[in-house]
Amino acid sequence: MNKTLTIILGGGKGTRLYPLTKDRAKPSCPFGGKYRLVDIPISNSINSGFRKIYVLTQFNSASLHLHIGRTYNFDPFSRDFCEILAAEQTFHHESWYGGTADAVRKNLDHFRIQKPSHYIVLSGDQLYRMNLHEYMSQHIESGAQVTIAATPVSQSAAKELGILQIDAGNHINAFLEKPNPEQDISAYKIPEKSITDGDRKERREYLASMGIYIFDAEVMEKALDCVSTDFGREIIPDSIENFNVMAYIYRGYWEDIGSIRSFYEANINLGSPFPHFNLYDQESPLYTHRRDLPPTKINSSTLRNSIASEGSIITDAHIDRSLIGIRTIIDSKATLEEVYAMGADFYETEEEKISNVRNKIPHIGIGADSMIRGAIIDKNARIGRGCRIGIDTLMREDGDFNGYAIRDGIIIILKGAVIADGTTI
């Protein structure tokens, strides 16, 4: 176990999460009010005892580098680490990462220094809590050369994912990437021995790859000795043909944060009485940057099924099914319904507030008497007094506008945007 390296893939453009990814990498997107998406795979790895972690980065990576550098500093007397490997030019290659597999291939020289026995490959933008130690134990005990984490899904969900065909012993025989809705995939159903009553009740009859892999180190070298650039589309199907590949069946909550809608719903759900993803699990905590912020101050407000992160000040507001990020200032008589407010990176000084008033610029946060529904408010946004966002019945066609965007019917107030007093969106 001590010779296992965790590789977290964090270099994609994240185009489906745009505009949240306009100025940051997808794994750097704020999550849960105080975390970043990349905290999830790193925390899973740390909690499972795998503390030699590389994060591969490429696109819009400055904020991701800053977050990891500030957060994951291990005991100097141990050999544990969480290090960033950004795309680099060398005498052997001068190009950017061409895909997930290409990113790993171009860093094998760095990995070999650690003399690993196994690699765990994780995505930097998924929401789940997994015991990777248990996963590794099955990999070793089964004699597998590659093990793919897979979760049961319905036939309708299968069309968006890579589907595995397994036998009664969980050996993978075939892989089908995003089958056509009209395609007959009945041959890929989970064997009767491996299906549970819960799977049967919810008609989850197929196994979808989670994009989480364990490779024996020497097998990883062989699998990447080619020109293929992507794990899911190329390396995994080839490995099924050439190596002993097994499935690790995971039945816990898992969400691939692949769109604005899935990102929004996963965050809003955190405040429900029984959320899909539990932030309050003491056995497997979620780690992030320590900010030493003051407690949240709530002045005569009503909050229902919501989370308010530290450092916020909420005054005489009504907040329903919402997520309030760090340092969020909400003024009197504001109403928020199903809103993810990401908060702010700093507090304004008194001098800055006086200057804002003089120049008729709203303060950072949400102004008095504003009403907001079904929205994401990115960091450091300034929403003036008496604004109506998502309240009135207006056309919500996807597009980019002045200070905001609309995706999947969700209004996104852009990072640092200024929304003037009385604006209706």
Protein backbone atom coordinates (compact mmCIF):
# COMPACT_ATOMS: atom_id res chain seq x y z
CA MET A 1 0.00 0.00 0.00
CA ASN A 2 2.88 2.40 0.77
CA LYS A 3 4.13 2.04 -2.81
CA THR A 4 0.87 3.19 -4.37
CA LEU A 5 0.71 6.52 -6.18
CA THR A 6 -2.55 8.43 -6.57
CA ILE A 7 -2.87 10.34 -9.82
CA ILE A 8 -5.63 12.96 -10.00
CA LEU A 9 -6.53 14.22 -13.47
CA GLY A 10 -7.28 17.93 -13.30
CA GLY A 11 -6.25 19.43 -16.60
CA GLY A 12 -9.33 19.57 -18.85
CA LYS A 13 -10.98 22.76 -20.10
CA GLY A 14 -14.31 22.00 -18.43
CA THR A 15 -16.27 23.57 -21.28
CA ARG A 16 -19.60 22.16 -20.04
CA LEU A 17 -19.16 24.08 -16.77
CA TYR A 18 -18.47 27.38 -18.52
CA PRO A 19 -18.71 30.21 -17.40
CA LEU A 20 -17.71 28.87 -13.97
CA THR A 21 -14.54 27.63 -15.68
CA LYS A 22 -13.84 30.91 -17.49
CA ASP A 23 -11.05 31.84 -15.06
CA ARG A 24 -10.44 28.58 -13.19
CA ALA A 25 -9.87 24.88 -13.83
CA LYS A 26 -12.88 22.62 -13.39
CA PRO A 27 -11.46 20.91 -10.26
CA SER A 28 -10.96 24.38 -8.77
CA CYS A 29 -14.67 25.27 -8.89
CA PRO A 30 -16.03 26.15 -5.43
CA PHE A 31 -18.13 23.37 -3.94
CA GLY A 32 -20.19 23.07 -0.78
CA GLY A 33 -19.72 26.67 0.29
CA LYS A 34 -16.09 26.35 1.41
CA TYR A 35 -14.45 23.56 -0.60
CA ARG A 36 -13.17 23.00 -4.13
CA LEU A 37 -14.10 20.01 -6.32
CA VAL A 38 -10.50 18.76 -6.19
CA ASP A 39 -10.79 18.40 -2.40
CA ILE A 40 -13.03 15.36 -2.96
CA PRO A 41 -10.56 12.98 -4.66
CA ILE A 42 -7.68 14.23 -2.51
CA SER A 43 -9.69 13.65 0.67
CA ASN A 44 -10.76 10.18 -0.51
CA SER A 45 -7.12 9.29 -1.09
CA ILE A 46 -5.91 10.68 2.25
CA ASN A 47 -8.72 9.06 4.25
CA SER A 48 -7.94 5.71 2.60
CA GLY A 49 -4.27 5.87 3.59
CA PHE A 50 -2.84 6.77 0.18
CA ARG A 51 -0.81 9.91 0.80
CA LYS A 52 1.49 10.05 -2.19
CA ILE A 53 -0.59 12.15 -4.55
CA TYR A 54 0.12 13.84 -7.86
CA VAL A 55 -2.35 16.30 -9.41
CA LEU A 56 -1.90 16.73 -13.17
CA THR A 57 -2.91 20.19 -14.36
CA GLN A 58 -2.91 22.13 -17.60
CA PHE A 59 -5.74 24.59 -18.27
CA ASN A 60 -6.54 27.72 -16.20
CA SER A 61 -4.56 26.15 -13.38
CA ALA A 62 -3.34 29.15 -11.35
CA SER A 63 -6.12 29.08 -8.72
CA LEU A 64 -5.90 25.28 -8.51
CA HIS A 65 -2.15 25.45 -7.87
CA LEU A 66 -2.64 28.12 -5.22
CA HIS A 67 -5.33 26.09 -3.44
CA ILE A 68 -3.34 22.84 -3.39
CA GLY A 69 -0.14 24.62 -2.34
CA ARG A 70 -1.90 26.33 0.59
CA THR A 71 -3.89 23.30 1.72
CA TYR A 72 -2.04 20.00 1.44
CA ASN A 73 1.19 20.31 3.41
CA PHE A 74 2.07 17.00 5.02
CA ASP A 75 4.28 16.21 8.01
CA PRO A 76 7.88 17.02 6.97
CA PHE A 77 9.08 13.88 8.79
CA SER A 78 7.01 11.59 6.53
CA ARG A 79 7.42 10.79 2.85
CA ASP A 80 3.84 11.76 2.06
CA PHE A 81 3.09 14.53 -0.43
CA CYS A 82 0.49 16.15 -2.64
CA GLU A 83 2.32 17.66 -5.59
CA ILE A 84 1.28 19.40 -8.79
CA LEU A 85 2.61 18.24 -12.15
CA ALA A 86 1.71 20.88 -14.71
CA ALA A 87 2.04 20.32 -18.44
CA GLU A 88 5.67 20.98 -19.36
CA GLN A 89 7.97 21.00 -22.35
CA THR A 90 10.98 18.66 -22.35
CA PHE A 91 13.49 17.37 -24.89
CA HIS A 92 11.21 14.33 -25.29
CA HIS A 93 7.92 16.18 -25.86
CA GLU A 94 6.92 19.77 -26.45
CA SER A 95 3.13 19.45 -26.78
CA TRP A 96 0.36 19.93 -24.24
CA TYR A 97 -1.46 16.95 -22.77
CA GLY A 98 -3.50 15.37 -25.54
CA GLY A 99 -5.89 13.58 -23.17
CA THR A 100 -6.05 11.77 -19.85
CA ALA A 101 -3.78 8.90 -20.89
CA ASP A 102 -1.33 11.24 -22.61
CA ALA A 103 -1.08 13.31 -19.41
CA VAL A 104 -0.10 10.22 -17.40
CA ARG A 105 2.30 8.98 -20.10
CA LYS A 106 4.17 12.29 -20.18
CA ASN A 107 4.73 12.13 -16.41
CA LEU A 108 5.88 8.51 -16.11
CA ASP A 109 9.47 9.66 -15.61
CA HIS A 110 8.37 11.60 -12.51
CA PHE A 111 6.34 8.64 -11.22
CA ARG A 112 9.15 6.11 -11.64
CA ILE A 113 11.28 7.98 -9.09
CA GLN A 114 8.85 6.76 -6.39
CA LYS A 115 9.21 3.11 -7.54
CA PRO A 116 5.45 2.51 -7.35
CA SER A 117 3.83 -0.91 -7.25
CA HIS A 118 0.37 0.41 -8.20
CA TYR A 119 -1.36 3.51 -9.54
CA ILE A 120 -4.79 4.78 -8.53
CA VAL A 121 -6.18 7.10 -11.22
CA LEU A 122 -8.92 9.50 -10.07
CA SER A 123 -10.89 12.26 -11.73
CA GLY A 124 -10.69 15.78 -10.30
CA ASP A 125 -14.37 16.60 -10.83
CA GLN A 126 -16.56 13.84 -9.39
CA LEU A 127 -18.64 13.76 -6.22
CA TYR A 128 -18.44 10.56 -4.16
CA ARG A 129 -16.93 9.09 -1.00
CA MET A 130 -15.10 5.79 -1.56
CA ASN A 131 -12.90 3.57 0.59
CA LEU A 132 -9.95 3.27 -1.79
CA HIS A 133 -8.18 0.91 0.63
CA GLU A 134 -11.01 -1.61 0.21
CA TYR A 135 -10.86 -1.07 -3.54
CA MET A 136 -7.10 -1.75 -3.59
CA SER A 137 -7.51 -4.83 -1.38
CA GLN A 138 -9.94 -6.37 -3.86
CA HIS A 139 -7.56 -5.55 -6.72
CA ILE A 140 -4.67 -7.37 -5.03
CA GLU A 141 -6.67 -10.33 -3.74
CA SER A 142 -8.34 -10.95 -7.11
CA GLY A 143 -5.04 -11.07 -8.96
CA ALA A 144 -6.25 -8.39 -11.37
CA GLN A 145 -3.81 -6.33 -13.39
CA VAL A 146 -6.33 -3.52 -13.86
CA THR A 147 -9.48 -2.87 -11.81
CA ILE A 148 -12.18 -0.45 -12.91
CA ALA A 149 -14.58 1.07 -10.37
CA ALA A 150 -18.13 0.73 -11.68
CA THR A 151 -21.57 1.70 -10.43
CA PRO A 152 -24.98 0.20 -11.33
CA VAL A 153 -27.10 2.46 -13.55
CA SER A 154 -30.41 2.28 -15.42
CA GLN A 155 -30.61 1.73 -19.16
CA SER A 156 -31.57 5.36 -19.72
CA ALA A 157 -28.47 6.58 -17.84
CA ALA A 158 -26.23 4.11 -19.66
CA LYS A 159 -26.33 6.09 -22.91
CA GLU A 160 -24.21 8.85 -21.34
CA LEU A 161 -21.58 6.53 -19.86
CA GLY A 162 -19.16 3.72 -20.66
CA ILE A 163 -20.83 0.35 -19.99
CA LEU A 164 -18.98 -2.76 -18.79
CA GLN A 165 -19.86 -6.38 -19.49
CA ILE A 166 -18.81 -8.64 -16.59
CA ASP A 167 -19.09 -12.33 -15.81
CA ALA A 168 -20.17 -13.90 -12.50
CA GLY A 169 -16.66 -13.41 -11.10
CA ASN A 170 -16.60 -9.66 -11.93
CA HIS A 171 -14.11 -10.19 -14.76
CA ILE A 172 -14.68 -7.59 -17.50
CA ASN A 173 -15.20 -9.06 -20.95
CA ALA A 174 -16.19 -6.00 -22.97
CA PHE A 175 -16.61 -2.23 -22.82
CA LEU A 176 -19.12 -0.06 -24.71
CA GLU A 177 -18.66 3.71 -24.74
CA LYS A 178 -21.92 5.76 -24.67
CA PRO A 179 -24.21 3.32 -26.51
CA ASN A 180 -26.79 4.66 -28.94
CA PRO A 181 -30.27 4.89 -27.30
CA GLU A 182 -31.68 2.51 -29.93
CA GLN A 183 -28.82 0.03 -29.56
CA ASP A 184 -29.56 -3.37 -27.99
CA ILE A 185 -27.30 -3.59 -24.92
CA SER A 186 -29.08 -6.45 -23.14
CA ALA A 187 -25.88 -8.54 -23.37
CA TYR A 188 -24.28 -6.02 -20.97
CA LYS A 189 -26.75 -6.58 -18.12
CA ILE A 190 -25.28 -7.33 -14.70
CA PRO A 191 -25.17 -11.10 -14.04
CA GLU A 192 -27.90 -12.33 -11.68
CA LYS A 193 -25.28 -13.26 -9.07
CA SER A 194 -23.97 -9.68 -8.88
CA ILE A 195 -27.26 -7.78 -8.90
CA THR A 196 -28.87 -6.73 -5.61
CA ASP A 197 -32.50 -6.29 -4.65
CA GLY A 198 -31.93 -2.52 -4.59
CA ASP A 199 -30.50 -2.60 -8.11
CA ARG A 200 -33.44 -4.65 -9.30
CA LYS A 201 -36.01 -2.40 -7.61
CA GLU A 202 -34.56 0.73 -9.22
CA ARG A 203 -33.92 -1.07 -12.53
CA ARG A 204 -30.18 -0.46 -12.35
CA GLU A 205 -29.24 -3.37 -14.56
CA TYR A 206 -26.02 -2.11 -16.14
CA LEU A 207 -22.54 -1.26 -14.86
CA ALA A 208 -21.07 2.13 -15.78
CA SER A 209 -17.38 2.90 -15.52
CA MET A 210 -16.73 5.67 -12.99
CA GLY A 211 -13.45 6.70 -14.61
CA ILE A 212 -11.59 5.48 -11.51
CA TYR A 213 -8.88 2.89 -12.14
CA ILE A 214 -6.20 0.84 -10.39
CA PHE A 215 -3.25 -0.37 -12.48
CA ASP A 216 -0.32 -2.55 -11.55
CA ALA A 217 2.66 -0.31 -12.24
CA GLU A 218 4.24 -2.52 -14.89
CA VAL A 219 0.85 -2.91 -16.60
CA MET A 220 0.40 0.86 -16.71
CA GLU A 221 3.75 1.13 -18.50
CA LYS A 222 2.70 -1.48 -21.06
CA ALA A 223 -0.78 -0.02 -21.54
CA LEU A 224 0.65 3.45 -22.25
CA ASP A 225 3.33 2.20 -24.64
CA CYS A 226 1.25 3.41 -27.59
CA VAL A 227 -0.05 6.61 -29.17
CA SER A 228 -3.54 6.46 -27.60
CA THR A 229 -4.44 9.60 -25.65
CA ASP A 230 -7.59 8.80 -23.65
CA PHE A 231 -8.23 6.23 -20.91
CA GLY A 232 -11.98 5.78 -21.39
CA ARG A 233 -12.12 5.61 -25.17
CA GLU A 234 -8.84 3.82 -25.89
CA ILE A 235 -6.66 2.54 -23.05
CA ILE A 236 -9.43 0.75 -21.13
CA PRO A 237 -10.88 -1.14 -24.17
CA ASP A 238 -7.33 -2.15 -25.19
CA SER A 239 -6.53 -3.27 -21.63
CA ILE A 240 -9.64 -5.49 -21.56
CA GLU A 241 -8.27 -7.22 -24.65
CA ASN A 242 -4.72 -7.64 -23.33
CA PHE A 243 -4.79 -7.86 -19.50
CA ASN A 244 -6.76 -9.35 -16.63
CA VAL A 245 -9.27 -6.56 -15.94
CA MET A 246 -11.77 -6.77 -13.08
CA ALA A 247 -14.67 -4.60 -11.89
CA TYR A 248 -15.01 -3.14 -8.41
CA ILE A 249 -18.75 -2.55 -7.90
CA TYR A 250 -19.49 0.62 -5.94
CA ARG A 251 -23.08 1.22 -4.82
CA GLY A 252 -22.70 4.49 -2.95
CA TYR A 253 -23.60 7.96 -4.19
CA TRP A 254 -21.61 9.09 -7.22
CA GLU A 255 -22.16 12.11 -9.42
CA ASP A 256 -20.08 13.06 -12.43
CA ILE A 257 -20.10 16.88 -12.34
CA GLY A 258 -20.40 17.21 -16.10
CA SER A 259 -22.80 20.12 -16.55
CA ILE A 260 -24.03 23.31 -14.90
CA ARG A 261 -27.28 21.52 -14.01
CA SER A 262 -25.54 18.60 -12.24
CA PHE A 263 -23.16 20.99 -10.46
CA TYR A 264 -26.03 23.21 -9.29
CA GLU A 265 -28.27 20.37 -8.12
CA ALA A 266 -25.45 18.59 -6.27
CA ASN A 267 -24.66 21.77 -4.32
CA ILE A 268 -28.28 22.70 -3.54
CA ASN A 269 -28.93 19.14 -2.32
CA LEU A 270 -26.26 19.51 0.40
CA GLY A 271 -28.68 21.54 2.54
CA SER A 272 -31.52 19.00 2.44
CA PRO A 273 -32.34 16.99 5.59
CA PHE A 274 -30.88 13.80 4.07
CA PRO A 275 -28.38 14.90 1.41
CA HIS A 276 -26.95 12.48 -1.13
CA PHE A 277 -23.43 13.55 -0.13
CA ASN A 278 -22.86 13.94 3.61
CA LEU A 279 -20.47 16.73 4.57
CA TYR A 280 -20.73 15.71 8.23
CA ASP A 281 -19.08 12.26 8.06
CA GLN A 282 -16.52 12.29 10.90
CA GLU A 283 -14.88 9.06 9.70
CA SER A 284 -14.16 10.45 6.24
CA PRO A 285 -13.88 14.23 6.50
CA LEU A 286 -13.56 16.52 3.51
CA TYR A 287 -10.38 18.59 3.75
CA THR A 288 -9.81 22.08 2.40
CA HIS A 289 -7.83 25.27 2.95
CA ARG A 290 -7.87 26.62 6.51
CA ARG A 291 -8.97 30.23 6.42
CA ASP A 292 -9.48 30.97 10.14
CA LEU A 293 -12.61 32.99 9.38
CA PRO A 294 -15.00 34.19 12.09
CA PRO A 295 -18.30 32.34 12.65
CA THR A 296 -21.29 33.26 10.53
CA LYS A 297 -23.43 36.04 12.01
CA ILE A 298 -27.21 35.75 11.52
CA ASN A 299 -29.27 38.78 12.47
CA SER A 300 -32.98 38.02 12.71
CA SER A 301 -33.18 35.85 9.58
CA THR A 302 -35.04 32.74 8.47
CA LEU A 303 -33.07 29.84 6.99
CA ARG A 304 -34.63 26.56 5.86
CA ASN A 305 -32.79 23.52 4.47
CA SER A 306 -29.75 25.69 3.85
CA ILE A 307 -26.05 25.85 4.69
CA ALA A 308 -24.24 29.06 5.65
CA SER A 309 -20.44 28.92 5.49
CA GLU A 310 -18.15 30.70 7.92
CA GLY A 311 -17.41 34.38 7.73
CA SER A 312 -20.86 35.33 6.40
CA ILE A 313 -23.16 38.07 7.71
CA ILE A 314 -26.87 37.58 7.06
CA THR A 315 -29.30 40.29 8.14
CA ASP A 316 -33.10 40.04 8.25
CA ALA A 317 -33.13 37.73 5.20
CA HIS A 318 -35.28 34.81 4.09
CA ILE A 319 -33.20 31.92 2.73
CA ASP A 320 -34.75 28.68 1.49
CA ARG A 321 -32.95 25.58 0.12
CA SER A 322 -29.78 27.54 -0.56
CA LEU A 323 -26.03 27.28 -0.08
CA ILE A 324 -24.19 30.33 1.24
CA GLY A 325 -20.44 30.44 0.63
CA ILE A 326 -17.67 32.00 2.70
CA ARG A 327 -17.76 35.76 3.46
CA THR A 328 -21.22 36.24 1.91
CA ILE A 329 -22.85 39.51 2.95
CA ILE A 330 -26.66 39.49 2.63
CA ASP A 331 -28.48 42.73 3.47
CA SER A 332 -31.91 43.23 5.01
CA LYS A 333 -35.10 41.93 3.43
CA ALA A 334 -33.24 39.90 0.78
CA THR A 335 -34.86 36.62 -0.32
CA LEU A 336 -32.95 33.64 -1.71
CA GLU A 337 -34.61 30.46 -2.96
CA GLU A 338 -32.55 27.58 -4.36
CA VAL A 339 -29.46 29.75 -4.77
CA TYR A 340 -25.79 28.83 -4.55
CA ALA A 341 -23.93 32.00 -3.51
CA MET A 342 -20.21 31.19 -3.66
CA GLY A 343 -19.22 34.11 -1.46
CA ALA A 344 -16.15 36.30 -1.63
CA ASP A 345 -12.36 36.14 -1.44
CA PHE A 346 -12.11 39.21 0.81
CA TYR A 347 -14.03 41.72 2.93
CA GLU A 348 -14.37 45.29 1.75
CA THR A 349 -12.78 47.93 3.97
CA GLU A 350 -14.83 50.89 5.28
CA GLU A 351 -12.96 53.18 2.90
CA GLU A 352 -13.92 50.96 -0.03
CA LYS A 353 -17.56 50.92 1.06
CA ILE A 354 -17.66 54.74 1.27
CA SER A 355 -16.10 54.96 -2.18
CA ASN A 356 -18.68 52.48 -3.55
CA VAL A 357 -21.55 54.57 -2.21
CA ARG A 358 -20.04 57.71 -3.72
CA ASN A 359 -19.66 56.02 -7.12
CA LYS A 360 -23.03 54.21 -6.92
CA ILE A 361 -21.39 50.78 -7.02
CA PRO A 362 -23.09 47.97 -5.01
CA HIS A 363 -21.12 46.38 -2.21
CA ILE A 364 -19.85 42.83 -2.62
CA GLY A 365 -22.70 40.49 -1.69
CA ILE A 366 -26.46 40.73 -2.05
CA GLY A 367 -28.21 44.05 -1.59
CA ALA A 368 -31.28 44.85 0.49
CA ASP A 369 -34.72 43.88 -0.83
CA SER A 370 -33.29 41.76 -3.65
CA MET A 371 -35.08 38.54 -4.61
CA ILE A 372 -33.16 35.67 -6.24
CA ARG A 373 -34.34 32.22 -7.31
CA GLY A 374 -32.67 29.33 -9.15
CA ALA A 375 -29.26 30.92 -9.56
CA ILE A 376 -25.53 30.49 -9.04
CA ILE A 377 -23.76 33.63 -7.84
CA ASP A 378 -20.04 33.34 -8.51
CA LYS A 379 -17.42 34.84 -6.19
CA ASN A 380 -17.01 38.55 -5.53
CA ALA A 381 -20.23 39.45 -7.35
CA ARG A 382 -21.99 42.70 -6.44
CA ILE A 383 -25.79 42.56 -6.54
CA GLY A 384 -27.49 45.86 -5.84
CA ARG A 385 -30.64 46.73 -3.92
CA GLY A 386 -34.07 45.69 -5.11
CA CYS A 387 -32.89 43.32 -7.85
CA ARG A 388 -35.16 40.55 -9.16
CA ILE A 389 -33.18 37.57 -10.49
CA GLY A 390 -35.06 34.48 -11.65
CA ILE A 391 -38.30 35.70 -10.06
CA ASP A 392 -40.33 36.92 -13.02
CA THR A 393 -41.51 34.69 -15.86
CA LEU A 394 -39.04 35.53 -18.60
CA MET A 395 -37.50 33.59 -21.44
CA ARG A 396 -34.47 31.65 -20.16
CA GLU A 397 -32.63 30.76 -23.33
CA ASP A 398 -29.01 29.76 -22.88
CA GLY A 399 -26.58 32.56 -23.65
CA ASP A 400 -23.99 35.01 -22.38
CA PHE A 401 -25.09 38.47 -21.33
CA ASN A 402 -23.79 41.54 -19.53
CA GLY A 403 -22.67 40.31 -16.11
CA TYR A 404 -24.51 37.01 -16.27
CA ALA A 405 -25.09 33.87 -18.31
CA ILE A 406 -27.84 31.26 -18.58
CA ARG A 407 -27.09 27.53 -18.83
CA ASP A 408 -29.61 24.68 -18.48
CA GLY A 409 -32.20 27.24 -17.37
CA ILE A 410 -29.98 28.36 -14.47
CA ILE A 411 -28.91 31.99 -14.13
CA ILE A 412 -25.20 32.41 -13.36
CA ILE A 413 -24.02 35.76 -12.04
CA LEU A 414 -20.42 35.96 -13.23
CA LYS A 415 -17.39 36.22 -10.99
CA GLY A 416 -16.85 39.87 -10.01
CA ALA A 417 -19.97 41.01 -11.88
CA VAL A 418 -21.72 44.25 -10.94
CA ILE A 419 -25.53 44.08 -11.05
CA ALA A 420 -26.98 47.57 -10.61
CA ASP A 421 -29.78 48.46 -8.21
CA GLY A 422 -33.26 47.47 -9.43
CA THR A 423 -32.02 45.10 -12.18
CA THR A 424 -34.41 42.39 -13.39
CA ILE A 425 -32.99 39.21 -14.91
